[in-house]
PDB file of N, CA and C in Angstrom:
ATOM      1  N   MET A   1    -265.058 269.349 -96.727  1.00  0.00           N
ATOM      2  CA  MET A   1    -263.818 268.895 -96.726  1.00  0.00           C
ATOM      3  C   MET A   1    -263.032 270.553 -96.618  1.00  0.00           C
ATOM      4  N   VAL A   2    -262.092 270.773 -95.814  1.00  0.00           N
ATOM      5  CA  VAL A   2    -261.301 272.014 -95.559  1.00  0.00           C
ATOM      6  C   VAL A   2    -260.684 272.430 -96.928  1.00  0.00           C
ATOM      7  N   LEU A   3    -259.808 271.341 -97.366  1.00  0.00           N
ATOM      8  CA  LEU A   3    -258.896 271.180 -98.540  1.00  0.00           C
ATOM      9  C   LEU A   3    -259.589 271.614 -99.783  1.00  0.00           C
ATOM     10  N   LEU A   4    -260.914 271.537 -99.619  1.00  0.00           N
ATOM     11  CA  LEU A   4    -261.861 272.270-101.116  1.00  0.00           C
ATOM     12  C   LEU A   4    -261.546 273.592-101.502  1.00  0.00           C
ATOM     13  N   GLY A   5    -261.662 274.357-100.160  1.00  0.00           N
ATOM     14  CA  GLY A   5    -261.249 275.802-100.643  1.00  0.00           C
ATOM     15  C   GLY A   5    -259.867 276.350-101.222  1.00  0.00           C
ATOM     16  N   PHE A   6    -259.009 275.225-100.953  1.00  0.00           N
ATOM     17  CA  PHE A   6    -257.399 275.658-101.648  1.00  0.00           C
ATOM     18  C   PHE A   6    -257.647 275.190-103.073  1.00  0.00           C
ATOM     19  N   LEU A   7    -258.776 274.409-103.732  1.00  0.00           N
ATOM     20  CA  LEU A   7    -258.885 274.079-104.913  1.00  0.00           C
ATOM     21  C   LEU A   7    -259.562 274.942-105.829  1.00  0.00           C
ATOM     22  N   ARG A   8    -260.108 276.604-105.322  1.00  0.00           N
ATOM     23  CA  ARG A   8    -260.318 277.555-106.119  1.00  0.00           C
ATOM     24  C   ARG A   8    -259.367 278.293-106.356  1.00  0.00           C
ATOM     25  N   LEU A   9    -258.756 278.436-107.445  1.00  0.00           N
ATOM     26  CA  LEU A   9    -257.616 279.307-107.716  1.00  0.00           C
ATOM     27  C   LEU A   9    -258.180 280.382-108.476  1.00  0.00           C
ATOM     28  N   GLY A  10    -258.176 281.679-107.589  1.00  0.00           N
ATOM     29  CA  GLY A  10    -258.862 282.932-108.561  1.00  0.00           C
ATOM     30  C   GLY A  10    -260.084 282.674-109.081  1.00  0.00           C
ATOM     31  N   LYS A  11    -260.132 282.825-110.367  1.00  0.00           N
ATOM     32  CA  LYS A  11    -261.374 282.791-111.231  1.00  0.00           C
ATOM     33  C   LYS A  11    -261.473 281.362-111.741  1.00  0.00           C
ATOM     34  N   ILE A  12    -260.531 280.502-111.477  1.00  0.00           N
ATOM     35  CA  ILE A  12    -260.371 279.253-112.050  1.00  0.00           C
ATOM     36  C   ILE A  12    -261.170 278.322-111.265  1.00  0.00           C
ATOM     37  N   VAL A  13    -262.517 277.526-111.771  1.00  0.00           N
ATOM     38  CA  VAL A  13    -263.132 277.085-110.645  1.00  0.00           C
ATOM     39  C   VAL A  13    -262.792 275.434-110.969  1.00  0.00           C
ATOM     40  N   VAL A  14    -262.550 274.590-110.033  1.00  0.00           N
ATOM     41  CA  VAL A  14    -262.258 273.132-110.379  1.00  0.00           C
ATOM     42  C   VAL A  14    -263.540 272.388-110.023  1.00  0.00           C
ATOM     43  N   PRO A  15    -263.990 271.599-111.026  1.00  0.00           N
ATOM     44  CA  PRO A  15    -265.232 271.023-110.931  1.00  0.00           C
ATOM     45  C   PRO A  15    -265.020 270.069-109.695  1.00  0.00           C
ATOM     46  N   ARG A  16    -266.265 269.677-109.175  1.00  0.00           N
ATOM     47  CA  ARG A  16    -266.333 268.893-107.950  1.00  0.00           C
ATOM     48  C   ARG A  16    -265.798 267.471-108.345  1.00  0.00           C
ATOM     49  N   SER A  17    -266.056 267.057-109.571  1.00  0.00           N
ATOM     50  CA  SER A  17    -265.514 265.459-109.822  1.00  0.00           C
ATOM     51  C   SER A  17    -263.996 265.514-109.815  1.00  0.00           C
ATOM     52  N   TRP A  18    -263.439 266.783-110.320  1.00  0.00           N
ATOM     53  CA  TRP A  18    -261.750 266.823-110.300  1.00  0.00           C
ATOM     54  C   TRP A  18    -261.315 266.895-108.854  1.00  0.00           C
ATOM     55  N   GLN A  19    -262.059 267.752-107.957  1.00  0.00           N
ATOM     56  CA  GLN A  19    -261.536 268.125-106.637  1.00  0.00           C
ATOM     57  C   GLN A  19    -261.666 266.631-105.868  1.00  0.00           C
ATOM     58  N   ASN A  20    -262.574 265.777-105.953  1.00  0.00           N
ATOM     59  CA  ASN A  20    -262.856 264.564-105.535  1.00  0.00           C
ATOM     60  C   ASN A  20    -261.527 263.442-105.731  1.00  0.00           C
ATOM     61  N   THR A  21    -261.332 263.526-107.191  1.00  0.00           N
ATOM     62  CA  THR A  21    -260.218 262.651-107.700  1.00  0.00           C
ATOM     63  C   THR A  21    -258.868 263.100-107.070  1.00  0.00           C
ATOM     64  N   ILE A  22    -258.952 264.500-107.171  1.00  0.00           N
ATOM     65  CA  ILE A  22    -257.435 265.042-106.460  1.00  0.00           C
ATOM     66  C   ILE A  22    -257.022 264.527-104.802  1.00  0.00           C
ATOM     67  N   ILE A  23    -258.183 264.832-104.393  1.00  0.00           N
ATOM     68  CA  ILE A  23    -258.149 264.368-102.977  1.00  0.00           C
ATOM     69  C   ILE A  23    -258.255 262.941-102.788  1.00  0.00           C
ATOM     70  N   TRP A  24    -258.722 262.113-103.358  1.00  0.00           N
ATOM     71  CA  TRP A  24    -258.615 260.549-103.281  1.00  0.00           C
ATOM     72  C   TRP A  24    -257.255 260.138-103.629  1.00  0.00           C
ATOM     73  N   SER A  25    -256.619 260.740-104.824  1.00  0.00           N
ATOM     74  CA  SER A  25    -255.577 260.051-105.202  1.00  0.00           C
ATOM     75  C   SER A  25    -254.218 260.705-104.236  1.00  0.00           C
ATOM     76  N   GLY A  26    -254.365 261.595-103.159  1.00  0.00           N
ATOM     77  CA  GLY A  26    -253.479 262.386-102.660  1.00  0.00           C
ATOM     78  C   GLY A  26    -252.902 261.341-101.504  1.00  0.00           C
ATOM     79  N   LEU A  27    -252.783 260.135-101.852  1.00  0.00           N
ATOM     80  CA  LEU A  27    -251.865 258.978-101.278  1.00  0.00           C
ATOM     81  C   LEU A  27    -251.214 259.408 -99.884  1.00  0.00           C
ATOM     82  N   ARG A  28    -251.914 259.490 -98.829  1.00  0.00           N
ATOM     83  CA  ARG A  28    -251.425 259.865 -97.439  1.00  0.00           C
ATOM     84  C   ARG A  28    -250.562 258.796 -97.020  1.00  0.00           C
ATOM     85  N   GLY A  29    -249.564 259.259 -95.851  1.00  0.00           N
ATOM     86  CA  GLY A  29    -249.084 258.112 -95.095  1.00  0.00           C
ATOM     87  C   GLY A  29    -247.724 258.662 -94.719  1.00  0.00           C
ATOM     88  N   ALA A  30    -247.009 259.793 -95.287  1.00  0.00           N
ATOM     89  CA  ALA A  30    -245.584 260.249 -94.833  1.00  0.00           C
ATOM     90  C   ALA A  30    -245.914 260.719 -93.079  1.00  0.00           C
ATOM     91  N   ILE A  31    -246.852 261.419 -92.724  1.00  0.00           N
ATOM     92  CA  ILE A  31    -246.806 261.701 -91.508  1.00  0.00           C
ATOM     93  C   ILE A  31    -246.971 260.657 -90.547  1.00  0.00           C
ATOM     94  N   SER A  32    -247.963 259.883 -90.609  1.00  0.00           N
ATOM     95  CA  SER A  32    -248.211 258.869 -89.915  1.00  0.00           C
ATOM     96  C   SER A  32    -246.699 258.042 -90.103  1.00  0.00           C
ATOM     97  N   VAL A  33    -246.283 257.536 -90.751  1.00  0.00           N
ATOM     98  CA  VAL A  33    -245.032 256.885 -90.637  1.00  0.00           C
ATOM     99  C   VAL A  33    -243.726 257.641 -89.782  1.00  0.00           C
ATOM    100  N   MET A  34    -243.730 258.820 -90.252  1.00  0.00           N
ATOM    101  CA  MET A  34    -242.575 259.765 -89.490  1.00  0.00           C
ATOM    102  C   MET A  34    -242.973 259.702 -87.971  1.00  0.00           C
ATOM    103  N   LEU A  35    -244.373 259.857 -87.735  1.00  0.00           N
ATOM    104  CA  LEU A  35    -244.902 259.941 -86.161  1.00  0.00           C
ATOM    105  C   LEU A  35    -244.652 258.543 -85.541  1.00  0.00           C
ATOM    106  N   ALA A  36    -244.935 257.304 -86.276  1.00  0.00           N
ATOM    107  CA  ALA A  36    -244.565 256.121 -85.803  1.00  0.00           C
ATOM    108  C   ALA A  36    -243.057 255.952 -85.369  1.00  0.00           C
ATOM    109  N   LEU A  37    -242.354 256.236 -86.356  1.00  0.00           N
ATOM    110  CA  LEU A  37    -240.912 256.248 -86.311  1.00  0.00           C
ATOM    111  C   LEU A  37    -240.347 256.872 -85.106  1.00  0.00           C
ATOM    112  N   GLY A  38    -240.867 258.041 -84.745  1.00  0.00           N
ATOM    113  CA  GLY A  38    -240.420 258.762 -83.424  1.00  0.00           C
ATOM    114  C   GLY A  38    -240.833 258.080 -82.250  1.00  0.00           C
ATOM    115  N   LEU A  39    -241.563 257.178 -82.269  1.00  0.00           N
ATOM    116  CA  LEU A  39    -241.938 256.451 -81.239  1.00  0.00           C
ATOM    117  C   LEU A  39    -240.779 255.871 -80.577  1.00  0.00           C
ATOM    118  N   ASP A  40    -239.751 255.287 -81.334  1.00  0.00           N
ATOM    119  CA  ASP A  40    -238.579 254.481 -80.828  1.00  0.00           C
ATOM    120  C   ASP A  40    -237.966 255.311 -79.838  1.00  0.00           C
ATOM    121  N   THR A  41    -237.882 256.820 -79.853  1.00  0.00           N
ATOM    122  CA  THR A  41    -237.178 257.819 -78.815  1.00  0.00           C
ATOM    123  C   THR A  41    -237.860 257.645 -77.272  1.00  0.00           C
ATOM    124  N   LEU A  42    -239.245 257.421 -77.427  1.00  0.00           N
ATOM    125  CA  LEU A  42    -240.180 257.429 -76.138  1.00  0.00           C
ATOM    126  C   LEU A  42    -240.107 255.999 -75.599  1.00  0.00           C
ATOM    127  N   PRO A  43    -240.156 256.217 -74.195  1.00  0.00           N
ATOM    128  CA  PRO A  43    -240.277 254.851 -73.278  1.00  0.00           C
ATOM    129  C   PRO A  43    -241.637 254.214 -73.614  1.00  0.00           C
ATOM    130  N   ILE A  44    -241.986 253.584 -74.569  1.00  0.00           N
ATOM    131  CA  ILE A  44    -243.389 253.385 -74.965  1.00  0.00           C
ATOM    132  C   ILE A  44    -242.898 251.427 -75.236  1.00  0.00           C
ATOM    133  N   SER A  45    -243.556 250.732 -74.766  1.00  0.00           N
ATOM    134  CA  SER A  45    -243.546 249.125 -74.492  1.00  0.00           C
ATOM    135  C   SER A  45    -243.868 248.632 -75.840  1.00  0.00           C
ATOM    136  N   HIS A  46    -244.592 249.204 -76.569  1.00  0.00           N
ATOM    137  CA  HIS A  46    -245.189 248.259 -78.011  1.00  0.00           C
ATOM    138  C   HIS A  46    -244.621 249.427 -78.987  1.00  0.00           C
ATOM    139  N   ALA A  47    -243.971 250.174 -79.030  1.00  0.00           N
ATOM    140  CA  ALA A  47    -243.383 250.815 -80.034  1.00  0.00           C
ATOM    141  C   ALA A  47    -243.140 250.039 -81.349  1.00  0.00           C
ATOM    142  N   LYS A  48    -242.532 248.998 -81.363  1.00  0.00           N
ATOM    143  CA  LYS A  48    -242.581 248.171 -82.536  1.00  0.00           C
ATOM    144  C   LYS A  48    -243.637 247.657 -83.217  1.00  0.00           C
ATOM    145  N   GLU A  49    -244.657 247.239 -82.297  1.00  0.00           N
ATOM    146  CA  GLU A  49    -245.867 246.906 -83.237  1.00  0.00           C
ATOM    147  C   GLU A  49    -246.616 248.107 -83.464  1.00  0.00           C
ATOM    148  N   ILE A  50    -246.519 249.217 -83.045  1.00  0.00           N
ATOM    149  CA  ILE A  50    -247.158 250.239 -83.598  1.00  0.00           C
ATOM    150  C   ILE A  50    -246.461 250.686 -84.842  1.00  0.00           C
ATOM    151  N   VAL A  51    -245.310 250.602 -85.063  1.00  0.00           N
ATOM    152  CA  VAL A  51    -244.283 250.938 -86.366  1.00  0.00           C
ATOM    153  C   VAL A  51    -244.971 250.043 -87.368  1.00  0.00           C
ATOM    154  N   ALA A  52    -244.995 248.724 -86.921  1.00  0.00           N
ATOM    155  CA  ALA A  52    -245.502 247.736 -87.978  1.00  0.00           C
ATOM    156  C   ALA A  52    -246.678 247.832 -88.383  1.00  0.00           C
ATOM    157  N   VAL A  53    -247.622 248.224 -87.455  1.00  0.00           N
ATOM    158  CA  VAL A  53    -248.981 248.221 -87.787  1.00  0.00           C
ATOM    159  C   VAL A  53    -249.236 249.783 -88.764  1.00  0.00           C
ATOM    160  N   THR A  54    -248.442 250.691 -88.621  1.00  0.00           N
ATOM    161  CA  THR A  54    -248.705 251.770 -89.123  1.00  0.00           C
ATOM    162  C   THR A  54    -248.170 251.672 -90.510  1.00  0.00           C
ATOM    163  N   PHE A  55    -246.977 250.940 -90.582  1.00  0.00           N
ATOM    164  CA  PHE A  55    -246.448 250.789 -92.245  1.00  0.00           C
ATOM    165  C   PHE A  55    -247.308 249.680 -92.996  1.00  0.00           C
ATOM    166  N   GLY A  56    -248.119 248.787 -92.000  1.00  0.00           N
ATOM    167  CA  GLY A  56    -249.088 247.994 -92.839  1.00  0.00           C
ATOM    168  C   GLY A  56    -250.194 248.788 -93.256  1.00  0.00           C
ATOM    169  N   LEU A  57    -250.781 249.714 -92.675  1.00  0.00           N
ATOM    170  CA  LEU A  57    -251.834 250.508 -92.872  1.00  0.00           C
ATOM    171  C   LEU A  57    -251.563 251.285 -93.910  1.00  0.00           C
ATOM    172  N   VAL A  58    -250.165 252.283 -94.011  1.00  0.00           N
ATOM    173  CA  VAL A  58    -249.947 253.009 -95.007  1.00  0.00           C
ATOM    174  C   VAL A  58    -249.943 252.198 -96.449  1.00  0.00           C
ATOM    175  N   PHE A  59    -249.208 251.076 -96.428  1.00  0.00           N
ATOM    176  CA  PHE A  59    -249.108 250.057 -97.600  1.00  0.00           C
ATOM    177  C   PHE A  59    -250.262 249.751 -97.928  1.00  0.00           C
ATOM    178  N   PHE A  60    -251.189 249.670 -97.093  1.00  0.00           N
ATOM    179  CA  PHE A  60    -252.682 249.085 -97.836  1.00  0.00           C
ATOM    180  C   PHE A  60    -253.331 250.273 -98.160  1.00  0.00           C
ATOM    181  N   SER A  61    -253.067 251.374 -97.822  1.00  0.00           N
ATOM    182  CA  SER A  61    -253.896 252.426 -98.316  1.00  0.00           C
ATOM    183  C   SER A  61    -252.968 253.115 -99.674  1.00  0.00           C
ATOM    184  N   ILE A  62    -251.996 252.853 -99.828  1.00  0.00           N
ATOM    185  CA  ILE A  62    -251.297 253.070-101.025  1.00  0.00           C
ATOM    186  C   ILE A  62    -251.757 252.210-102.101  1.00  0.00           C
ATOM    187  N   LEU A  63    -251.985 251.086-101.449  1.00  0.00           N
ATOM    188  CA  LEU A  63    -252.165 250.201-102.912  1.00  0.00           C
ATOM    189  C   LEU A  63    -253.541 250.267-103.036  1.00  0.00           C
ATOM    190  N   PHE A  64    -254.493 250.184-102.194  1.00  0.00           N
ATOM    191  CA  PHE A  64    -255.898 250.269-102.299  1.00  0.00           C
ATOM    192  C   PHE A  64    -256.282 251.571-102.962  1.00  0.00           C
ATOM    193  N   GLN A  65    -255.831 252.699-102.543  1.00  0.00           N
ATOM    194  CA  GLN A  65    -256.235 254.144-103.197  1.00  0.00           C
ATOM    195  C   GLN A  65    -255.459 254.113-104.628  1.00  0.00           C
ATOM    196  N   GLY A  66    -254.354 253.781-104.680  1.00  0.00           N
ATOM    197  CA  GLY A  66    -253.356 253.744-105.975  1.00  0.00           C
ATOM    198  C   GLY A  66    -254.038 253.052-106.889  1.00  0.00           C
ATOM    199  N   LEU A  67    -254.685 251.600-106.692  1.00  0.00           N
ATOM    200  CA  LEU A  67    -254.924 251.136-107.677  1.00  0.00           C
ATOM    201  C   LEU A  67    -256.507 251.585-108.102  1.00  0.00           C
ATOM    202  N   SER A  68    -257.438 252.280-107.497  1.00  0.00           N
ATOM    203  CA  SER A  68    -258.714 252.564-107.387  1.00  0.00           C
ATOM    204  C   SER A  68    -258.730 254.097-108.117  1.00  0.00           C
ATOM    205  N   VAL A  69    -257.570 254.626-108.127  1.00  0.00           N
ATOM    206  CA  VAL A  69    -257.664 255.823-108.911  1.00  0.00           C
ATOM    207  C   VAL A  69    -258.205 255.821-110.285  1.00  0.00           C
ATOM    208  N   ARG A  70    -257.819 254.925-111.209  1.00  0.00           N
ATOM    209  CA  ARG A  70    -258.282 254.773-112.525  1.00  0.00           C
ATOM    210  C   ARG A  70    -259.660 254.602-112.566  1.00  0.00           C
ATOM    211  N   PHE A  71    -260.237 253.729-111.817  1.00  0.00           N
ATOM    212  CA  PHE A  71    -261.725 253.593-111.602  1.00  0.00           C
ATOM    213  C   PHE A  71    -262.596 254.906-111.271  1.00  0.00           C
ATOM    214  N   LEU A  72    -262.144 255.654-110.314  1.00  0.00           N
ATOM    215  CA  LEU A  72    -262.721 256.867-109.897  1.00  0.00           C
ATOM    216  C   LEU A  72    -262.522 257.754-111.020  1.00  0.00           C
ATOM    217  N   ILE A  73    -261.609 257.738-111.865  1.00  0.00           N
ATOM    218  CA  ILE A  73    -261.403 258.826-112.943  1.00  0.00           C
ATOM    219  C   ILE A  73    -262.472 258.326-113.965  1.00  0.00           C
ATOM    220  N   LYS A  74    -262.720 256.906-114.097  1.00  0.00           N
ATOM    221  CA  LYS A  74    -263.723 256.696-115.213  1.00  0.00           C
ATOM    222  C   LYS A  74    -265.115 256.729-114.675  1.00  0.00           C
ATOM    223  N   ARG A  75    -265.163 256.728-113.329  1.00  0.00           N
ATOM    224  CA  ARG A  75    -266.731 256.724-112.762  1.00  0.00           C
ATOM    225  C   ARG A  75    -267.108 258.229-113.066  1.00  0.00           C
ATOM    226  N   PHE A  76    -266.051 259.181-112.669  1.00  0.00           N
ATOM    227  CA  PHE A  76    -266.571 260.781-112.722  1.00  0.00           C
ATOM    228  C   PHE A  76    -266.403 261.127-114.305  1.00  0.00           C
ATOM    229  N   GLY A  77    -266.481 260.475-115.248  1.00  0.00           N
ATOM    230  CA  GLY A  77    -266.162 260.860-116.800  1.00  0.00           C
ATOM    231  C   GLY A  77    -265.157 261.670-117.091  1.00  0.00           C
ATOM    232  N   LEU A  78    -264.060 261.637-116.111  1.00  0.00           N
ATOM    233  CA  LEU A  78    -262.619 262.315-116.505  1.00  0.00           C
ATOM    234  C   LEU A  78    -261.977 261.618-117.445  1.00  0.00           C
ATOM    235  N   TRP A  79    -261.931 260.328-117.804  1.00  0.00           N
ATOM    236  CA  TRP A  79    -261.455 259.704-118.588  1.00  0.00           C
ATOM    237  C   TRP A  79    -261.344 260.129-120.116  1.00  0.00           C
ATOM    238  N   SER A  80    -260.157 260.196-120.964  1.00  0.00           N
ATOM    239  CA  SER A  80    -260.234 260.544-122.166  1.00  0.00           C
ATOM    240  C   SER A  80    -259.758 259.647-123.048  1.00  0.00           C
ATOM    241  N   ASN A  81    -259.928 259.006-124.333  1.00  0.00           N
ATOM    242  CA  ASN A  81    -259.306 258.383-124.937  1.00  0.00           C
ATOM    243  C   ASN A  81    -258.435 258.990-126.070  1.00  0.00           C
ATOM    244  N   GLY A  82    -258.446 260.307-125.927  1.00  0.00           N
ATOM    245  CA  GLY A  82    -257.924 261.080-127.020  1.00  0.00           C
ATOM    246  C   GLY A  82    -258.628 261.336-127.966  1.00  0.00           C
ATOM    247  N   ASP A  83    -259.842 261.322-128.114  1.00  0.00           N
ATOM    248  CA  ASP A  83    -260.814 261.537-129.421  1.00  0.00           C
ATOM    249  C   ASP A  83    -260.478 262.957-129.572  1.00  0.00           C
TER     250      ASP A  83
END
């Protein structure tokens, strides 16, 4: 993953488990929605269907990834009960 190089901040090394969690929880979708909404200005016959499918996929991605972040944090042992 190319983005992992950005997670090395000088002498500070971010552990792999934190890197994976940061990348997983980076809920994407803004660019996809923006590009799909831009299709209305082009002469494409199925633009409305593409926009609807894009919104559905982004919604599913946010729902699935957002709800699974807690499990991922516990799985990597990053969860702290404040002990």
